[in-house]
Amino acid sequence: MRELAIEIGVRALLFGVFVFTEFLDPFQRVIQPEEIWLYKNPLVQSDNIPTRLMFAISFLTPLAVICVVKIIRRTDKTEIKEAFLAVSLALALNGVCTNTIKLIVGRPRPDFFYRCFPDGVMNSEMHCTGDPDLVSEGRKSFPSIHSSYSFVGGVIGLIFAYICYRQHYPPLANTACHKPYVSLRVPTSLKKDERPTADSAPSMPLEGITEGPV
């Protein structure tokens, strides 16, 4: 029970760090006037897949798969618990790492110009006149949190997914790679009980052996 509490605490801490980094301002990368054309795409009012929906899909989809497998294969509670722990750790680590890189790189989005200058008029000092929150979000283009959380084409997501999988499961080359380490452990008491003793050893008839001197 204590180990489970620690596992949950680690994930709660990582989630808190993730939320904290969402409100930090990224590195303000200097944009040269001759490259401003790269960021003059039309302003995107809303993502094709809203961020909240993306988070819900990335979290609920693995959990749904785990529940379906439990029903089909009738796995025990230990396997389900380990699967939930692996998925939650992968999602938390992926979010913290992705946001940290975003803050360090500060790469502008393709529509950054119209975030910075809503009226389309750029001043010589390159001082943004747009909404500060919109401008700050416009400097968080790389890496894409949508791709990293989708685990499809997202190198960061794939790396953390495998690392967290290995924290709870054997290598993929192992024939028992679908079984968590906890389920594969054999209790020490059981090993001791299985050891044959002198009293429990079967008695064998000793033929051709006589008592006394030969």
Protein backbone atom coordinates (compact mmCIF):
# COMPACT_ATOMS: atom_id res chain seq x y z
CA MET A 1 0.00 0.00 0.00
CA ARG A 2 2.88 2.35 0.77
CA GLU A 3 4.49 1.69 -2.63
CA LEU A 4 1.20 2.47 -4.37
CA ALA A 5 0.89 5.74 -2.44
CA ILE A 6 4.40 6.73 -3.53
CA GLU A 7 3.60 5.88 -7.17
CA ILE A 8 0.46 8.02 -7.06
CA GLY A 9 2.36 10.85 -5.34
CA VAL A 10 5.02 10.89 -8.06
CA ARG A 11 2.37 11.15 -10.76
CA ALA A 12 0.54 13.90 -8.88
CA LEU A 13 3.80 15.85 -8.56
CA LEU A 14 4.55 15.47 -12.27
CA PHE A 15 1.05 16.61 -13.14
CA GLY A 16 1.51 19.67 -10.94
CA VAL A 17 4.79 20.50 -12.70
CA PHE A 18 3.07 20.09 -16.07
CA VAL A 19 0.28 22.52 -15.13
CA PHE A 20 2.86 24.98 -13.74
CA THR A 21 4.89 24.97 -16.98
CA GLU A 22 1.72 25.68 -18.97
CA PHE A 23 1.67 29.22 -17.53
CA LEU A 24 5.38 30.03 -17.90
CA ASP A 25 6.64 32.38 -20.62
CA PRO A 26 8.96 30.74 -23.16
CA PHE A 27 12.34 31.92 -24.33
CA GLN A 28 11.92 35.01 -26.55
CA ARG A 29 13.70 34.05 -29.70
CA VAL A 30 14.80 37.01 -31.83
CA ILE A 31 13.04 37.07 -35.19
CA GLN A 32 14.92 38.85 -37.95
CA PRO A 33 12.90 41.07 -40.33
CA GLU A 34 13.95 39.01 -43.34
CA GLU A 35 12.47 35.83 -41.87
CA ILE A 36 9.19 37.28 -40.66
CA TRP A 37 7.47 35.96 -43.79
CA LEU A 38 7.80 32.46 -42.35
CA TYR A 39 5.31 33.36 -39.63
CA LYS A 40 2.66 35.20 -41.68
CA ASN A 41 0.22 32.33 -42.00
CA PRO A 42 -3.40 33.21 -41.17
CA LEU A 43 -4.17 33.30 -37.45
CA VAL A 44 -5.63 30.01 -36.24
CA GLN A 45 -8.62 30.73 -34.05
CA SER A 46 -8.97 27.16 -32.80
CA ASP A 47 -7.18 23.86 -33.28
CA ASN A 48 -8.72 21.13 -35.43
CA ILE A 49 -8.58 18.95 -32.33
CA PRO A 50 -9.05 21.04 -29.16
CA THR A 51 -6.38 20.58 -26.52
CA ARG A 52 -8.85 19.35 -23.90
CA LEU A 53 -10.23 16.75 -26.30
CA MET A 54 -6.69 15.68 -27.16
CA PHE A 55 -5.85 15.17 -23.48
CA ALA A 56 -9.05 13.19 -22.96
CA ILE A 57 -8.37 10.94 -25.96
CA SER A 58 -4.71 10.35 -25.06
CA PHE A 59 -5.63 9.42 -21.48
CA LEU A 60 -8.89 7.53 -21.94
CA THR A 61 -7.93 5.51 -25.03
CA PRO A 62 -5.15 3.47 -23.33
CA LEU A 63 -7.37 2.94 -20.29
CA ALA A 64 -10.22 1.72 -22.49
CA VAL A 65 -7.88 -0.75 -24.21
CA ILE A 66 -6.69 -2.02 -20.81
CA CYS A 67 -10.28 -2.55 -19.64
CA VAL A 68 -11.22 -4.39 -22.85
CA VAL A 69 -8.20 -6.69 -22.49
CA LYS A 70 -9.15 -7.36 -18.88
CA ILE A 71 -12.64 -8.44 -19.95
CA ILE A 72 -11.42 -10.63 -22.82
CA ARG A 73 -8.46 -12.27 -21.08
CA ARG A 74 -9.84 -12.08 -17.53
CA THR A 75 -6.61 -10.70 -16.14
CA ASP A 76 -6.22 -10.15 -12.42
CA LYS A 77 -6.26 -6.84 -10.57
CA THR A 78 -2.47 -6.73 -10.26
CA GLU A 79 -1.96 -6.64 -14.03
CA ILE A 80 -4.59 -3.91 -14.41
CA LYS A 81 -2.97 -1.82 -11.67
CA GLU A 82 0.48 -2.08 -13.23
CA ALA A 83 -0.89 -1.16 -16.66
CA PHE A 84 -2.60 1.93 -15.24
CA LEU A 85 0.60 2.96 -13.46
CA ALA A 86 2.69 2.59 -16.62
CA VAL A 87 0.26 4.61 -18.76
CA SER A 88 -0.17 7.41 -16.22
CA LEU A 89 3.60 7.74 -15.71
CA ALA A 90 4.21 7.87 -19.48
CA LEU A 91 1.61 10.61 -19.96
CA ALA A 92 2.90 12.70 -17.05
CA LEU A 93 6.57 12.47 -18.06
CA ASN A 94 5.71 13.17 -21.68
CA GLY A 95 3.81 16.34 -20.76
CA VAL A 96 6.56 17.72 -18.52
CA CYS A 97 9.31 16.99 -21.05
CA THR A 98 7.35 18.45 -23.99
CA ASN A 99 6.54 21.66 -22.13
CA THR A 100 10.12 22.04 -20.90
CA ILE A 101 11.50 21.82 -24.44
CA LYS A 102 8.85 24.29 -25.65
CA LEU A 103 9.95 26.83 -23.03
CA ILE A 104 13.65 26.40 -23.82
CA VAL A 105 13.37 26.52 -27.64
CA GLY A 106 10.73 29.26 -27.97
CA ARG A 107 10.07 28.53 -31.61
CA PRO A 108 7.33 30.79 -33.07
CA ARG A 109 4.20 29.31 -34.57
CA PRO A 110 3.47 29.81 -38.31
CA ASP A 111 0.80 32.41 -37.41
CA PHE A 112 3.00 34.30 -34.94
CA PHE A 113 3.03 37.53 -36.98
CA TYR A 114 -0.71 38.06 -36.60
CA ARG A 115 -0.55 37.08 -32.95
CA CYS A 116 2.14 39.72 -32.44
CA PHE A 117 0.61 42.37 -34.74
CA PRO A 118 -3.17 41.83 -34.95
CA ASP A 119 -3.60 44.84 -37.26
CA GLY A 120 -0.96 43.47 -39.65
CA VAL A 121 1.33 46.49 -39.15
CA MET A 122 4.83 45.67 -37.89
CA ASN A 123 6.85 48.29 -36.03
CA SER A 124 10.60 48.71 -36.47
CA GLU A 125 11.36 47.66 -32.89
CA MET A 126 9.49 44.36 -33.37
CA HIS A 127 7.54 44.97 -30.16
CA CYS A 128 4.35 42.94 -30.15
CA THR A 129 1.09 44.83 -29.73
CA GLY A 130 -1.20 41.81 -29.47
CA ASP A 131 -2.64 40.00 -26.47
CA PRO A 132 0.33 38.95 -24.25
CA ASP A 133 -1.13 35.50 -23.56
CA LEU A 134 -1.75 34.88 -27.27
CA VAL A 135 1.76 36.07 -28.10
CA SER A 136 3.32 33.87 -25.41
CA GLU A 137 1.42 30.85 -26.67
CA GLY A 138 2.61 31.72 -30.16
CA ARG A 139 6.19 31.07 -29.07
CA LYS A 140 5.48 27.44 -28.13
CA SER A 141 5.50 25.74 -31.50
CA PHE A 142 8.10 22.99 -31.00
CA PRO A 143 7.70 20.22 -30.11
CA SER A 144 4.03 19.73 -30.88
CA ILE A 145 2.19 18.50 -27.82
CA HIS A 146 -0.50 17.00 -30.06
CA SER A 147 1.97 14.74 -31.85
CA SER A 148 3.88 13.82 -28.68
CA TYR A 149 0.68 12.83 -26.86
CA SER A 150 -0.69 10.91 -29.83
CA PHE A 151 2.33 8.53 -29.62
CA VAL A 152 2.15 8.36 -33.43
CA GLY A 153 5.15 10.00 -35.01
CA GLY A 154 5.97 11.62 -31.71
CA VAL A 155 9.48 10.51 -30.80
CA ILE A 156 9.20 11.95 -27.31
CA GLY A 157 5.95 10.10 -26.67
CA LEU A 158 7.32 6.82 -27.96
CA ILE A 159 10.48 7.09 -25.87
CA PHE A 160 8.61 7.77 -22.64
CA ALA A 161 6.00 5.14 -23.43
CA TYR A 162 8.72 2.49 -23.75
CA ILE A 163 10.67 3.69 -20.69
CA CYS A 164 7.58 3.57 -18.50
CA TYR A 165 6.58 0.21 -19.95
CA ARG A 166 9.97 -1.21 -18.95
CA GLN A 167 9.48 0.07 -15.41
CA HIS A 168 6.64 -2.40 -14.97
CA TYR A 169 7.09 -5.07 -17.68
CA PRO A 170 9.85 -7.31 -19.11
CA PRO A 171 11.48 -6.58 -22.51
CA LEU A 172 9.33 -7.05 -25.60
CA ALA A 173 11.50 -9.99 -26.65
CA ASN A 174 10.49 -11.84 -23.49
CA THR A 175 7.72 -14.42 -23.91
CA ALA A 176 6.06 -12.99 -20.79
CA CYS A 177 6.29 -9.35 -21.92
CA HIS A 178 2.55 -8.95 -21.33
CA LYS A 179 2.93 -9.86 -17.66
CA PRO A 180 4.03 -7.21 -15.12
CA TYR A 181 7.02 -7.91 -12.90
CA VAL A 182 4.76 -8.15 -9.88
CA SER A 183 2.85 -11.07 -11.38
CA LEU A 184 6.08 -12.84 -12.34
CA ARG A 185 7.58 -12.71 -8.88
CA VAL A 186 7.54 -15.95 -6.89
CA PRO A 187 7.18 -15.35 -3.15
CA THR A 188 10.18 -16.51 -1.12
CA SER A 189 7.94 -18.44 1.25
CA LEU A 190 6.56 -20.40 -1.69
CA LYS A 191 10.05 -21.27 -2.87
CA LYS A 192 10.95 -22.55 0.58
CA ASP A 193 7.81 -24.67 0.73
CA GLU A 194 8.66 -26.24 -2.62
CA ARG A 195 12.14 -27.36 -1.54
CA PRO A 196 12.22 -31.11 -0.79
CA THR A 197 13.29 -32.08 2.70
CA ALA A 198 14.84 -35.27 4.04
CA ASP A 199 11.54 -36.28 5.64
CA SER A 200 9.53 -35.68 2.49
CA ALA A 201 12.01 -37.41 0.13
CA PRO A 202 10.61 -40.66 -1.24
CA SER A 203 12.16 -43.79 0.25
CA MET A 204 13.93 -46.01 -2.25
CA PRO A 205 14.45 -49.71 -1.71
CA LEU A 206 18.13 -50.51 -1.26
CA GLU A 207 18.76 -53.72 -3.09
CA GLY A 208 21.96 -55.73 -2.80
CA ILE A 209 23.06 -53.99 0.41
CA THR A 210 23.53 -56.15 3.49
CA GLU A 211 24.46 -55.23 6.98
CA GLY A 212 27.69 -56.33 8.59
CA PRO A 213 31.19 -56.77 7.23
CA VAL A 214 31.74 -58.07 3.78
